[in-house]
Amino acid sequence: MRSLLVKTTAAAATVVALTVLAFGIVSQTSWPLLTVRAATAFAIVSAAGWATGWILMRTALRRWYEAWRSARAETRPRGHR
């Protein structure tokens, strides 16, 4: 799941950066400004993908831990002191 999210984020960030470059070239923007805009767009999409991955992995780990904990609790004898 993690590798799929990383690949999807990288592809989306690249597509966004190329789109910004294309619009900049069509509007005849200077190269330094165009580079900064494309890098900013790439960074924003990458940060959003990182945040999404962090939230998903945290949720998955929490669910795994809760399932492990409940399975472990059922095997423990009750009422024994």
PDB file of N, CA and C in Angstrom:
ATOM      1  N   MET A   1       0.832  -1.189   0.000  1.00  0.00           N
ATOM      2  CA  MET A   1       0.000   0.000   0.000  1.00  0.00           C
ATOM      3  C   MET A   1       0.874   1.250   0.000  1.00  0.00           C
ATOM      4  N   ARG A   2       1.932   1.192   0.813  1.00  0.00           N
ATOM      5  CA  ARG A   2       2.811   2.360   0.917  1.00  0.00           C
ATOM      6  C   ARG A   2       3.493   2.648  -0.418  1.00  0.00           C
ATOM      7  N   SER A   3       3.969   1.621  -1.101  1.00  0.00           N
ATOM      8  CA  SER A   3       4.654   1.835  -2.373  1.00  0.00           C
ATOM      9  C   SER A   3       3.692   2.377  -3.434  1.00  0.00           C
ATOM     10  N   LEU A   4       2.446   1.915  -3.400  1.00  0.00           N
ATOM     11  CA  LEU A   4       1.452   2.436  -4.339  1.00  0.00           C
ATOM     12  C   LEU A   4       1.205   3.920  -4.090  1.00  0.00           C
ATOM     13  N   LEU A   5       1.121   4.301  -2.829  1.00  0.00           N
ATOM     14  CA  LEU A   5       0.905   5.705  -2.491  1.00  0.00           C
ATOM     15  C   LEU A   5       2.093   6.570  -2.907  1.00  0.00           C
ATOM     16  N   VAL A   6       3.306   6.058  -2.728  1.00  0.00           N
ATOM     17  CA  VAL A   6       4.502   6.808  -3.117  1.00  0.00           C
ATOM     18  C   VAL A   6       4.548   6.981  -4.632  1.00  0.00           C
ATOM     19  N   LYS A   7       4.258   5.910  -5.361  1.00  0.00           N
ATOM     20  CA  LYS A   7       4.266   5.987  -6.828  1.00  0.00           C
ATOM     21  C   LYS A   7       3.185   6.935  -7.351  1.00  0.00           C
ATOM     22  N   THR A   8       2.000   6.870  -6.752  1.00  0.00           N
ATOM     23  CA  THR A   8       0.907   7.744  -7.176  1.00  0.00           C
ATOM     24  C   THR A   8       1.230   9.204  -6.881  1.00  0.00           C
ATOM     25  N   THR A   9       1.808   9.455  -5.718  1.00  0.00           N
ATOM     26  CA  THR A   9       2.179  10.827  -5.360  1.00  0.00           C
ATOM     27  C   THR A   9       3.257  11.365  -6.296  1.00  0.00           C
ATOM     28  N   ALA A  10       4.254  10.546  -6.597  1.00  0.00           N
ATOM     29  CA  ALA A  10       5.322  10.977  -7.505  1.00  0.00           C
ATOM     30  C   ALA A  10       4.775  11.262  -8.895  1.00  0.00           C
ATOM     31  N   ALA A  11       3.879  10.413  -9.369  1.00  0.00           N
ATOM     32  CA  ALA A  11       3.291  10.633 -10.694  1.00  0.00           C
ATOM     33  C   ALA A  11       2.435  11.897 -10.710  1.00  0.00           C
ATOM     34  N   ALA A  12       1.635  12.092  -9.668  1.00  0.00           N
ATOM     35  CA  ALA A  12       0.778  13.278  -9.613  1.00  0.00           C
ATOM     36  C   ALA A  12       1.612  14.554  -9.512  1.00  0.00           C
ATOM     37  N   ALA A  13       2.666  14.523  -8.709  1.00  0.00           N
ATOM     38  CA  ALA A  13       3.531  15.698  -8.579  1.00  0.00           C
ATOM     39  C   ALA A  13       4.222  16.025  -9.898  1.00  0.00           C
ATOM     40  N   THR A  14       4.654  14.995 -10.612  1.00  0.00           N
ATOM     41  CA  THR A  14       5.295  15.216 -11.911  1.00  0.00           C
ATOM     42  C   THR A  14       4.310  15.785 -12.919  1.00  0.00           C
ATOM     43  N   VAL A  15       3.105  15.254 -12.951  1.00  0.00           N
ATOM     44  CA  VAL A  15       2.087  15.756 -13.884  1.00  0.00           C
ATOM     45  C   VAL A  15       1.757  17.217 -13.575  1.00  0.00           C
ATOM     46  N   VAL A  16       1.628  17.554 -12.300  1.00  0.00           N
ATOM     47  CA  VAL A  16       1.324  18.935 -11.921  1.00  0.00           C
ATOM     48  C   VAL A  16       2.467  19.863 -12.315  1.00  0.00           C
ATOM     49  N   ALA A  17       3.710  19.445 -12.067  1.00  0.00           N
ATOM     50  CA  ALA A  17       4.860  20.274 -12.434  1.00  0.00           C
ATOM     51  C   ALA A  17       4.945  20.471 -13.945  1.00  0.00           C
ATOM     52  N   LEU A  18       4.698  19.419 -14.703  1.00  0.00           N
ATOM     53  CA  LEU A  18       4.720  19.551 -16.167  1.00  0.00           C
ATOM     54  C   LEU A  18       3.583  20.440 -16.677  1.00  0.00           C
ATOM     55  N   THR A  19       2.422  20.356 -16.034  1.00  0.00           N
ATOM     56  CA  THR A  19       1.308  21.217 -16.407  1.00  0.00           C
ATOM     57  C   THR A  19       1.637  22.686 -16.151  1.00  0.00           C
ATOM     58  N   VAL A  20       2.250  22.954 -14.994  1.00  0.00           N
ATOM     59  CA  VAL A  20       2.658  24.329 -14.683  1.00  0.00           C
ATOM     60  C   VAL A  20       3.696  24.809 -15.691  1.00  0.00           C
ATOM     61  N   LEU A  21       4.630  23.940 -16.044  1.00  0.00           N
ATOM     62  CA  LEU A  21       5.632  24.305 -17.054  1.00  0.00           C
ATOM     63  C   LEU A  21       4.979  24.612 -18.401  1.00  0.00           C
ATOM     64  N   ALA A  22       4.025  23.776 -18.796  1.00  0.00           N
ATOM     65  CA  ALA A  22       3.361  23.990 -20.080  1.00  0.00           C
ATOM     66  C   ALA A  22       2.602  25.319 -20.101  1.00  0.00           C
ATOM     67  N   PHE A  23       1.864  25.609 -19.043  1.00  0.00           N
ATOM     68  CA  PHE A  23       1.136  26.878 -18.997  1.00  0.00           C
ATOM     69  C   PHE A  23       2.089  28.058 -18.972  1.00  0.00           C
ATOM     70  N   GLY A  24       3.211  27.898 -18.291  1.00  0.00           N
ATOM     71  CA  GLY A  24       4.200  28.968 -18.245  1.00  0.00           C
ATOM     72  C   GLY A  24       4.852  29.218 -19.589  1.00  0.00           C
ATOM     73  N   ILE A  25       5.138  28.156 -20.304  1.00  0.00           N
ATOM     74  CA  ILE A  25       5.754  28.300 -21.633  1.00  0.00           C
ATOM     75  C   ILE A  25       4.781  28.966 -22.598  1.00  0.00           C
ATOM     76  N   VAL A  26       3.519  28.563 -22.527  1.00  0.00           N
ATOM     77  CA  VAL A  26       2.507  29.161 -23.410  1.00  0.00           C
ATOM     78  C   VAL A  26       2.332  30.650 -23.120  1.00  0.00           C
ATOM     79  N   SER A  27       2.410  31.032 -21.847  1.00  0.00           N
ATOM     80  CA  SER A  27       2.228  32.446 -21.492  1.00  0.00           C
ATOM     81  C   SER A  27       3.541  33.232 -21.532  1.00  0.00           C
ATOM     82  N   GLN A  28       4.607  32.581 -21.987  1.00  0.00           N
ATOM     83  CA  GLN A  28       5.921  33.212 -22.165  1.00  0.00           C
ATOM     84  C   GLN A  28       6.461  33.813 -20.866  1.00  0.00           C
ATOM     85  N   THR A  29       6.392  33.033 -19.810  1.00  0.00           N
ATOM     86  CA  THR A  29       6.931  33.422 -18.518  1.00  0.00           C
ATOM     87  C   THR A  29       8.443  33.205 -18.530  1.00  0.00           C
ATOM     88  N   SER A  30       9.168  34.021 -17.771  1.00  0.00           N
ATOM     89  CA  SER A  30      10.623  33.874 -17.725  1.00  0.00           C
ATOM     90  C   SER A  30      10.988  32.546 -17.063  1.00  0.00           C
ATOM     91  N   TRP A  31      12.139  31.996 -17.445  1.00  0.00           N
ATOM     92  CA  TRP A  31      12.547  30.682 -16.970  1.00  0.00           C
ATOM     93  C   TRP A  31      12.761  30.614 -15.462  1.00  0.00           C
ATOM     94  N   PRO A  32      13.379  31.619 -14.842  1.00  0.00           N
ATOM     95  CA  PRO A  32      13.542  31.513 -13.381  1.00  0.00           C
ATOM     96  C   PRO A  32      12.197  31.441 -12.642  1.00  0.00           C
ATOM     97  N   LEU A  33      11.253  32.263 -13.046  1.00  0.00           N
ATOM     98  CA  LEU A  33       9.934  32.248 -12.417  1.00  0.00           C
ATOM     99  C   LEU A  33       9.214  30.935 -12.713  1.00  0.00           C
ATOM    100  N   LEU A  34       9.372  30.453 -13.910  1.00  0.00           N
ATOM    101  CA  LEU A  34       8.753  29.193 -14.306  1.00  0.00           C
ATOM    102  C   LEU A  34       9.307  28.025 -13.485  1.00  0.00           C
ATOM    103  N   THR A  35      10.599  28.032 -13.247  1.00  0.00           N
ATOM    104  CA  THR A  35      11.226  26.981 -12.446  1.00  0.00           C
ATOM    105  C   THR A  35      10.735  27.024 -10.999  1.00  0.00           C
ATOM    106  N   VAL A  36      10.628  28.217 -10.450  1.00  0.00           N
ATOM    107  CA  VAL A  36      10.151  28.357  -9.073  1.00  0.00           C
ATOM    108  C   VAL A  36       8.701  27.896  -8.963  1.00  0.00           C
ATOM    109  N   ARG A  37       7.879  28.253  -9.908  1.00  0.00           N
ATOM    110  CA  ARG A  37       6.472  27.840  -9.881  1.00  0.00           C
ATOM    111  C   ARG A  37       6.324  26.326  -9.980  1.00  0.00           C
ATOM    112  N   ALA A  38       7.085  25.716 -10.894  1.00  0.00           N
ATOM    113  CA  ALA A  38       7.004  24.256 -11.062  1.00  0.00           C
ATOM    114  C   ALA A  38       7.516  23.541  -9.815  1.00  0.00           C
ATOM    115  N   ALA A  39       8.600  24.038  -9.223  1.00  0.00           N
ATOM    116  CA  ALA A  39       9.144  23.420  -8.013  1.00  0.00           C
ATOM    117  C   ALA A  39       8.174  23.574  -6.845  1.00  0.00           C
ATOM    118  N   THR A  40       7.527  24.718  -6.758  1.00  0.00           N
ATOM    119  CA  THR A  40       6.545  24.938  -5.696  1.00  0.00           C
ATOM    120  C   THR A  40       5.351  23.996  -5.855  1.00  0.00           C
ATOM    121  N   ALA A  41       4.861  23.856  -7.066  1.00  0.00           N
ATOM    122  CA  ALA A  41       3.736  22.947  -7.317  1.00  0.00           C
ATOM    123  C   ALA A  41       4.125  21.507  -6.981  1.00  0.00           C
ATOM    124  N   PHE A  42       5.332  21.113  -7.376  1.00  0.00           N
ATOM    125  CA  PHE A  42       5.815  19.763  -7.068  1.00  0.00           C
ATOM    126  C   PHE A  42       5.900  19.555  -5.567  1.00  0.00           C
ATOM    127  N   ALA A  43       6.409  20.546  -4.852  1.00  0.00           N
ATOM    128  CA  ALA A  43       6.561  20.440  -3.398  1.00  0.00           C
ATOM    129  C   ALA A  43       5.211  20.367  -2.693  1.00  0.00           C
ATOM    130  N   ILE A  44       4.242  21.139  -3.161  1.00  0.00           N
ATOM    131  CA  ILE A  44       2.915  21.122  -2.531  1.00  0.00           C
ATOM    132  C   ILE A  44       2.247  19.767  -2.703  1.00  0.00           C
ATOM    133  N   VAL A  45       2.300  19.215  -3.903  1.00  0.00           N
ATOM    134  CA  VAL A  45       1.675  17.905  -4.146  1.00  0.00           C
ATOM    135  C   VAL A  45       2.426  16.817  -3.382  1.00  0.00           C
ATOM    136  N   SER A  46       3.740  16.902  -3.327  1.00  0.00           N
ATOM    137  CA  SER A  46       4.514  15.916  -2.574  1.00  0.00           C
ATOM    138  C   SER A  46       4.196  15.986  -1.083  1.00  0.00           C
ATOM    139  N   ALA A  47       4.062  17.185  -0.548  1.00  0.00           N
ATOM    140  CA  ALA A  47       3.717  17.346   0.871  1.00  0.00           C
ATOM    141  C   ALA A  47       2.326  16.798   1.162  1.00  0.00           C
ATOM    142  N   ALA A  48       1.400  17.033   0.252  1.00  0.00           N
ATOM    143  CA  ALA A  48       0.048  16.485   0.438  1.00  0.00           C
ATOM    144  C   ALA A  48       0.074  14.959   0.406  1.00  0.00           C
ATOM    145  N   GLY A  49       0.847  14.381  -0.486  1.00  0.00           N
ATOM    146  CA  GLY A  49       0.982  12.924  -0.542  1.00  0.00           C
ATOM    147  C   GLY A  49       1.644  12.364   0.698  1.00  0.00           C
ATOM    148  N   TRP A  50       2.663  13.057   1.213  1.00  0.00           N
ATOM    149  CA  TRP A  50       3.331  12.616   2.430  1.00  0.00           C
ATOM    150  C   TRP A  50       2.356  12.643   3.609  1.00  0.00           C
ATOM    151  N   ALA A  51       1.591  13.710   3.717  1.00  0.00           N
ATOM    152  CA  ALA A  51       0.630  13.830   4.819  1.00  0.00           C
ATOM    153  C   ALA A  51      -0.444  12.745   4.725  1.00  0.00           C
ATOM    154  N   THR A  52      -0.911  12.487   3.530  1.00  0.00           N
ATOM    155  CA  THR A  52      -1.906  11.433   3.332  1.00  0.00           C
ATOM    156  C   THR A  52      -1.333  10.073   3.703  1.00  0.00           C
ATOM    157  N   GLY A  53      -0.116   9.806   3.282  1.00  0.00           N
ATOM    158  CA  GLY A  53       0.539   8.541   3.624  1.00  0.00           C
ATOM    159  C   GLY A  53       0.745   8.394   5.111  1.00  0.00           C
ATOM    160  N   TRP A  54       1.123   9.470   5.770  1.00  0.00           N
ATOM    161  CA  TRP A  54       1.338   9.424   7.210  1.00  0.00           C
ATOM    162  C   TRP A  54       0.039   9.094   7.939  1.00  0.00           C
ATOM    163  N   ILE A  55      -1.045   9.745   7.523  1.00  0.00           N
ATOM    164  CA  ILE A  55      -2.341   9.498   8.156  1.00  0.00           C
ATOM    165  C   ILE A  55      -2.802   8.063   7.903  1.00  0.00           C
ATOM    166  N   LEU A  56      -2.661   7.585   6.666  1.00  0.00           N
ATOM    167  CA  LEU A  56      -3.094   6.219   6.352  1.00  0.00           C
ATOM    168  C   LEU A  56      -2.267   5.179   7.101  1.00  0.00           C
ATOM    169  N   MET A  57      -0.950   5.360   7.162  1.00  0.00           N
ATOM    170  CA  MET A  57      -0.111   4.398   7.860  1.00  0.00           C
ATOM    171  C   MET A  57      -0.387   4.418   9.357  1.00  0.00           C
ATOM    172  N   ARG A  58      -0.619   5.582   9.914  1.00  0.00           N
ATOM    173  CA  ARG A  58      -0.932   5.694  11.336  1.00  0.00           C
ATOM    174  C   ARG A  58      -2.246   4.970  11.645  1.00  0.00           C
ATOM    175  N   THR A  59      -3.231   5.156  10.795  1.00  0.00           N
ATOM    176  CA  THR A  59      -4.518   4.492  10.982  1.00  0.00           C
ATOM    177  C   THR A  59      -4.378   2.980  10.852  1.00  0.00           C
ATOM    178  N   ALA A  60      -3.621   2.528   9.859  1.00  0.00           N
ATOM    179  CA  ALA A  60      -3.432   1.088   9.667  1.00  0.00           C
ATOM    180  C   ALA A  60      -2.701   0.472  10.849  1.00  0.00           C
ATOM    181  N   LEU A  61      -1.677   1.142  11.346  1.00  0.00           N
ATOM    182  CA  LEU A  61      -0.948   0.614  12.498  1.00  0.00           C
ATOM    183  C   LEU A  61      -1.823   0.579  13.744  1.00  0.00           C
ATOM    184  N   ARG A  62      -2.640   1.611  13.911  1.00  0.00           N
ATOM    185  CA  ARG A  62      -3.522   1.616  15.068  1.00  0.00           C
ATOM    186  C   ARG A  62      -4.527   0.474  14.979  1.00  0.00           C
ATOM    187  N   ARG A  63      -5.107   0.227  13.823  1.00  0.00           N
ATOM    188  CA  ARG A  63      -6.054  -0.878  13.666  1.00  0.00           C
ATOM    189  C   ARG A  63      -5.376  -2.218  13.899  1.00  0.00           C
ATOM    190  N   TRP A  64      -4.156  -2.380  13.385  1.00  0.00           N
ATOM    191  CA  TRP A  64      -3.424  -3.624  13.595  1.00  0.00           C
ATOM    192  C   TRP A  64      -3.149  -3.829  15.076  1.00  0.00           C
ATOM    193  N   TYR A  65      -2.724  -2.779  15.766  1.00  0.00           N
ATOM    194  CA  TYR A  65      -2.427  -2.886  17.198  1.00  0.00           C
ATOM    195  C   TYR A  65      -3.685  -3.214  17.995  1.00  0.00           C
ATOM    196  N   GLU A  66      -4.793  -2.584  17.663  1.00  0.00           N
ATOM    197  CA  GLU A  66      -6.035  -2.869  18.386  1.00  0.00           C
ATOM    198  C   GLU A  66      -6.498  -4.298  18.146  1.00  0.00           C
ATOM    199  N   ALA A  67      -6.354  -4.795  16.923  1.00  0.00           N
ATOM    200  CA  ALA A  67      -6.730  -6.183  16.638  1.00  0.00           C
ATOM    201  C   ALA A  67      -5.806  -7.142  17.376  1.00  0.00           C
ATOM    202  N   TRP A  68      -4.512  -6.846  17.387  1.00  0.00           N
ATOM    203  CA  TRP A  68      -3.547  -7.683  18.088  1.00  0.00           C
ATOM    204  C   TRP A  68      -3.825  -7.685  19.590  1.00  0.00           C
ATOM    205  N   ARG A  69      -4.143  -6.531  20.113  1.00  0.00           N
ATOM    206  CA  ARG A  69      -4.397  -6.410  21.541  1.00  0.00           C
ATOM    207  C   ARG A  69      -5.674  -7.161  21.944  1.00  0.00           C
ATOM    208  N   SER A  70      -6.718  -7.055  21.136  1.00  0.00           N
ATOM    209  CA  SER A  70      -7.958  -7.761  21.465  1.00  0.00           C
ATOM    210  C   SER A  70      -7.785  -9.268  21.326  1.00  0.00           C
ATOM    211  N   ALA A  71      -7.002  -9.731  20.366  1.00  0.00           N
ATOM    212  CA  ALA A  71      -6.748 -11.164  20.214  1.00  0.00           C
ATOM    213  C   ALA A  71      -5.908 -11.673  21.380  1.00  0.00           C
ATOM    214  N   ARG A  72      -4.995 -10.883  21.823  1.00  0.00           N
ATOM    215  CA  ARG A  72      -4.144 -11.258  22.948  1.00  0.00           C
ATOM    216  C   ARG A  72      -4.942 -11.287  24.248  1.00  0.00           C
ATOM    217  N   ALA A  73      -5.880 -10.379  24.390  1.00  0.00           N
ATOM    218  CA  ALA A  73      -6.681 -10.307  25.609  1.00  0.00           C
ATOM    219  C   ALA A  73      -7.607 -11.513  25.740  1.00  0.00           C
ATOM    220  N   GLU A  74      -8.051 -12.085  24.618  1.00  0.00           N
ATOM    221  CA  GLU A  74      -8.968 -13.223  24.670  1.00  0.00           C
ATOM    222  C   GLU A  74      -8.267 -14.496  25.133  1.00  0.00           C
ATOM    223  N   THR A  75      -6.984 -14.609  24.926  1.00  0.00           N
ATOM    224  CA  THR A  75      -6.268 -15.819  25.313  1.00  0.00           C
ATOM    225  C   THR A  75      -5.870 -15.797  26.784  1.00  0.00           C
ATOM    226  N   ARG A  76      -5.951 -14.671  27.412  1.00  0.00           N
ATOM    227  CA  ARG A  76      -5.579 -14.534  28.807  1.00  0.00           C
ATOM    228  C   ARG A  76      -6.686 -15.109  29.697  1.00  0.00           C
ATOM    229  N   PRO A  77      -6.337 -15.945  30.667  1.00  0.00           N
ATOM    230  CA  PRO A  77      -7.387 -16.493  31.533  1.00  0.00           C
ATOM    231  C   PRO A  77      -7.971 -15.405  32.429  1.00  0.00           C
ATOM    232  N   ARG A  78      -9.260 -15.465  32.621  1.00  0.00           N
ATOM    233  CA  ARG A  78      -9.929 -14.452  33.447  1.00  0.00           C
ATOM    234  C   ARG A  78     -10.284 -15.048  34.806  1.00  0.00           C
ATOM    235  N   GLY A  79     -10.250 -14.226  35.814  1.00  0.00           N
ATOM    236  CA  GLY A  79     -10.652 -14.654  37.127  1.00  0.00           C
ATOM    237  C   GLY A  79      -9.556 -15.324  37.934  1.00  0.00           C
ATOM    238  N   HIS A  80      -8.391 -15.509  37.359  1.00  0.00           N
ATOM    239  CA  HIS A  80      -7.286 -16.133  38.077  1.00  0.00           C
ATOM    240  C   HIS A  80      -6.497 -15.051  38.786  1.00  0.00           C
ATOM    241  N   ARG A  81      -6.221 -15.309  40.051  1.00  0.00           N
ATOM    242  CA  ARG A  81      -5.456 -14.316  40.812  1.00  0.00           C
ATOM    243  C   ARG A  81      -4.165 -14.889  41.268  1.00  0.00           C
TER     244      ARG A  81
END
